[in-house]
Each structure stands twice: as structure tokens, then as C-alpha cells.
């Protein structure tokens, strides 16, 4: 499969989410000290590194959602 292609059949409800998630991926990788290849192909990246990036992204997204929900329910 060529770089930039995806087998995922998921469609994004907000097309701008792709750019935001990519930005988040690079931020998390930088914080963890993991170098993402310049050409975007991550096939040679260690599974452990890819998992660390994905796990931290998920953790951060859950944290953001919790903060938003807490803000919605505390204002009455």
C-alpha cells in the first residue's frame, strides 16, 4: 500500500479533523522523543513507538473530552 493511502472505511464527520489529528500525532511524538519519518511512511517505525504515540493520543483525547463534559455539566 502506498504512503498516504488508507484501508480504513471510516469517514470523518468533520474533514478538518484529519489535520488536527496529524498535528496531535507530531506533537505527541516530539514529546516522547520519537522521530517520525519526513516522507510520512511509518512502515519502518518500531511497533512499540507507534503504540506509544497512539496510546498517548488516545489518553489526551479522552482527557479533552472529560474536560469538555465537566464544563457542560457544571454550568446550570
N, C-alpha and C. Protein backbone atom coordinates (compact mmCIF):
# COMPACT_ATOMS: atom_id res chain seq x y z
N UNK A 1 0.85 -1.17 0.00
CA UNK A 1 0.00 0.00 0.00
C UNK A 1 0.90 1.23 0.00
N UNK A 2 0.58 2.20 -0.83
CA UNK A 2 1.40 3.40 -0.97
C UNK A 2 1.19 4.35 0.21
N UNK A 3 2.18 5.18 0.43
CA UNK A 3 2.08 6.16 1.51
C UNK A 3 0.91 7.09 1.26
N UNK A 4 0.20 7.43 2.31
CA UNK A 4 -0.92 8.34 2.19
C UNK A 4 -2.24 7.65 1.92
N UNK A 5 -2.21 6.36 1.63
CA UNK A 5 -3.44 5.62 1.39
C UNK A 5 -3.85 4.91 2.66
N UNK A 6 -5.13 4.65 2.79
CA UNK A 6 -5.63 4.00 3.98
C UNK A 6 -6.65 2.94 3.60
N UNK A 7 -6.66 1.86 4.35
CA UNK A 7 -7.64 0.82 4.12
C UNK A 7 -8.89 1.06 4.96
N UNK A 8 -8.88 2.06 5.77
CA UNK A 8 -10.00 2.34 6.67
C UNK A 8 -11.22 2.77 5.88
N UNK A 9 -12.37 2.24 6.26
CA UNK A 9 -13.61 2.65 5.63
C UNK A 9 -14.33 3.70 6.46
N UNK A 10 -13.71 4.12 7.54
CA UNK A 10 -14.31 5.16 8.39
C UNK A 10 -14.31 6.49 7.66
N UNK A 11 -15.42 7.20 7.75
CA UNK A 11 -15.47 8.53 7.16
C UNK A 11 -15.59 9.54 8.29
N UNK A 12 -14.85 10.61 8.17
CA UNK A 12 -14.85 11.64 9.20
C UNK A 12 -16.05 12.56 9.03
N UNK A 13 -16.70 12.89 10.12
CA UNK A 13 -17.81 13.82 10.07
C UNK A 13 -17.31 15.24 9.87
N UNK A 14 -16.12 15.52 10.39
CA UNK A 14 -15.51 16.83 10.25
C UNK A 14 -14.20 16.65 9.48
N UNK A 15 -14.17 17.02 8.20
CA UNK A 15 -12.97 16.79 7.38
C UNK A 15 -11.70 17.43 7.96
N UNK A 16 -11.83 18.54 8.69
CA UNK A 16 -10.67 19.21 9.27
C UNK A 16 -10.06 18.40 10.40
N UNK A 17 -10.73 17.36 10.85
CA UNK A 17 -10.22 16.54 11.94
C UNK A 17 -8.94 15.83 11.54
N UNK A 18 -8.78 15.51 10.28
CA UNK A 18 -7.57 14.82 9.81
C UNK A 18 -6.33 15.66 10.11
N UNK A 19 -6.38 16.94 9.77
CA UNK A 19 -5.24 17.82 10.00
C UNK A 19 -4.98 17.98 11.50
N UNK A 20 -6.03 18.10 12.29
CA UNK A 20 -5.86 18.26 13.73
C UNK A 20 -5.26 17.01 14.35
N UNK A 21 -5.69 15.84 13.92
CA UNK A 21 -5.14 14.59 14.46
C UNK A 21 -3.69 14.39 14.02
N UNK A 22 -3.37 14.78 12.79
CA UNK A 22 -1.97 14.69 12.35
C UNK A 22 -1.09 15.60 13.19
N UNK A 23 -1.56 16.82 13.46
CA UNK A 23 -0.80 17.75 14.29
C UNK A 23 -0.59 17.17 15.68
N UNK A 24 -1.63 16.57 16.24
CA UNK A 24 -1.54 15.95 17.56
C UNK A 24 -0.54 14.80 17.54
N UNK A 25 -0.52 14.03 16.46
CA UNK A 25 0.41 12.91 16.33
C UNK A 25 1.85 13.41 16.39
N UNK A 26 2.14 14.48 15.66
CA UNK A 26 3.50 15.01 15.66
C UNK A 26 3.88 15.62 17.00
N UNK A 27 2.93 16.28 17.67
CA UNK A 27 3.20 16.84 19.00
C UNK A 27 3.53 15.75 20.01
N UNK A 28 2.73 14.69 20.01
CA UNK A 28 2.94 13.59 20.96
C UNK A 28 4.27 12.90 20.67
N UNK A 29 4.56 12.67 19.40
CA UNK A 29 5.82 12.02 19.04
C UNK A 29 7.01 12.86 19.50
N UNK A 30 6.91 14.16 19.33
CA UNK A 30 8.00 15.04 19.76
C UNK A 30 8.18 14.99 21.28
N UNK A 31 7.06 15.00 22.01
CA UNK A 31 7.13 14.92 23.47
C UNK A 31 7.78 13.62 23.93
N UNK A 32 7.53 12.53 23.19
CA UNK A 32 8.08 11.24 23.55
C UNK A 32 9.50 11.04 23.01
N UNK A 33 9.97 11.98 22.20
CA UNK A 33 11.31 11.86 21.62
C UNK A 33 11.38 10.86 20.49
N UNK A 34 10.25 10.64 19.80
CA UNK A 34 10.20 9.70 18.69
C UNK A 34 10.21 10.49 17.39
N UNK A 35 11.11 10.11 16.50
CA UNK A 35 11.25 10.79 15.22
C UNK A 35 10.32 10.15 14.19
N UNK A 36 9.40 10.94 13.64
CA UNK A 36 8.51 10.45 12.57
C UNK A 36 9.20 10.75 11.25
N UNK A 37 9.28 9.76 10.35
CA UNK A 37 9.97 9.96 9.07
C UNK A 37 9.40 11.13 8.27
N UNK A 38 10.27 11.88 7.63
CA UNK A 38 9.87 13.05 6.85
C UNK A 38 8.96 12.70 5.68
N UNK A 39 9.16 11.52 5.11
CA UNK A 39 8.34 11.14 3.95
C UNK A 39 6.95 10.65 4.33
N UNK A 40 6.68 10.52 5.63
CA UNK A 40 5.37 10.12 6.10
C UNK A 40 5.15 8.62 6.16
N UNK A 41 6.07 7.83 5.61
CA UNK A 41 5.93 6.38 5.63
C UNK A 41 6.42 5.87 6.97
N UNK A 42 5.54 5.20 7.70
CA UNK A 42 5.88 4.75 9.03
C UNK A 42 6.04 3.24 9.11
N UNK A 43 6.23 2.60 7.98
CA UNK A 43 6.37 1.15 7.94
C UNK A 43 7.62 0.63 8.62
N UNK A 44 8.62 1.47 8.74
CA UNK A 44 9.86 1.04 9.38
C UNK A 44 9.92 1.46 10.85
N UNK A 45 8.88 2.12 11.33
CA UNK A 45 8.84 2.55 12.72
C UNK A 45 8.58 1.33 13.62
N UNK A 46 9.23 1.31 14.75
CA UNK A 46 9.03 0.20 15.69
C UNK A 46 7.59 0.19 16.19
N UNK A 47 7.04 -0.99 16.33
CA UNK A 47 5.68 -1.14 16.81
C UNK A 47 5.50 -0.50 18.17
N UNK A 48 6.50 -0.65 19.00
CA UNK A 48 6.44 -0.06 20.35
C UNK A 48 6.29 1.46 20.28
N UNK A 49 7.04 2.10 19.36
CA UNK A 49 6.95 3.55 19.21
C UNK A 49 5.58 3.97 18.68
N UNK A 50 5.09 3.26 17.67
CA UNK A 50 3.78 3.58 17.11
C UNK A 50 2.69 3.41 18.17
N UNK A 51 2.79 2.37 18.97
CA UNK A 51 1.82 2.14 20.03
C UNK A 51 1.88 3.21 21.09
N UNK A 52 3.08 3.67 21.40
CA UNK A 52 3.24 4.73 22.40
C UNK A 52 2.59 6.02 21.91
N UNK A 53 2.78 6.32 20.64
CA UNK A 53 2.17 7.53 20.07
C UNK A 53 0.65 7.40 20.11
N UNK A 54 0.13 6.27 19.62
CA UNK A 54 -1.32 6.07 19.59
C UNK A 54 -1.94 6.07 20.98
N UNK A 55 -1.28 5.43 21.92
CA UNK A 55 -1.78 5.39 23.29
C UNK A 55 -1.84 6.76 23.92
N UNK A 56 -0.82 7.56 23.69
CA UNK A 56 -0.80 8.91 24.26
C UNK A 56 -1.81 9.83 23.58
N UNK A 57 -2.03 9.63 22.28
CA UNK A 57 -3.06 10.40 21.59
C UNK A 57 -4.42 10.08 22.19
N UNK A 58 -4.69 8.80 22.37
CA UNK A 58 -5.98 8.39 22.95
C UNK A 58 -6.14 8.96 24.35
N UNK A 59 -5.11 8.88 25.15
CA UNK A 59 -5.16 9.42 26.50
C UNK A 59 -5.49 10.91 26.49
N UNK A 60 -4.84 11.63 25.59
CA UNK A 60 -5.06 13.07 25.52
C UNK A 60 -6.47 13.40 25.02
N UNK A 61 -6.97 12.63 24.03
CA UNK A 61 -8.32 12.87 23.52
C UNK A 61 -9.38 12.59 24.59
N UNK A 62 -9.17 11.55 25.38
CA UNK A 62 -10.10 11.24 26.47
C UNK A 62 -10.07 12.37 27.50
N UNK A 63 -8.89 12.86 27.81
CA UNK A 63 -8.74 13.94 28.78
C UNK A 63 -9.47 15.20 28.29
N UNK A 64 -9.34 15.52 27.01
CA UNK A 64 -10.03 16.69 26.44
C UNK A 64 -11.54 16.51 26.53
N UNK A 65 -12.02 15.32 26.18
CA UNK A 65 -13.46 15.05 26.24
C UNK A 65 -13.98 15.14 27.67
N UNK A 66 -13.23 14.63 28.63
CA UNK A 66 -13.65 14.71 30.03
C UNK A 66 -13.74 16.16 30.49
N UNK A 67 -12.79 16.97 30.07
CA UNK A 67 -12.81 18.38 30.45
C UNK A 67 -14.02 19.09 29.84
N UNK A 68 -14.32 18.76 28.59
CA UNK A 68 -15.47 19.38 27.94
C UNK A 68 -16.78 18.95 28.60
N UNK A 69 -16.88 17.67 28.93
CA UNK A 69 -18.09 17.19 29.60
C UNK A 69 -18.23 17.79 30.99
N UNK A 70 -17.15 17.90 31.70
CA UNK A 70 -17.19 18.50 33.04
C UNK A 70 -17.65 19.95 32.95
N UNK A 71 -17.20 20.65 31.94
CA UNK A 71 -17.61 22.04 31.75
C UNK A 71 -19.08 22.16 31.42
N UNK A 72 -19.62 21.22 30.65
CA UNK A 72 -21.04 21.26 30.27
C UNK A 72 -21.95 20.99 31.46
N UNK A 73 -21.56 20.06 32.32
CA UNK A 73 -22.44 19.63 33.39
C UNK A 73 -22.32 20.47 34.66
N UNK A 74 -21.29 21.27 34.78
CA UNK A 74 -21.14 22.08 35.99
C UNK A 74 -21.83 23.41 35.86
N UNK A 75 -22.14 23.86 34.65
CA UNK A 75 -22.82 25.14 34.47
C UNK A 75 -24.32 24.88 34.37
N UNK A 76 -25.03 25.33 35.35
CA UNK A 76 -26.50 25.14 35.36
C UNK A 76 -27.20 26.45 35.33
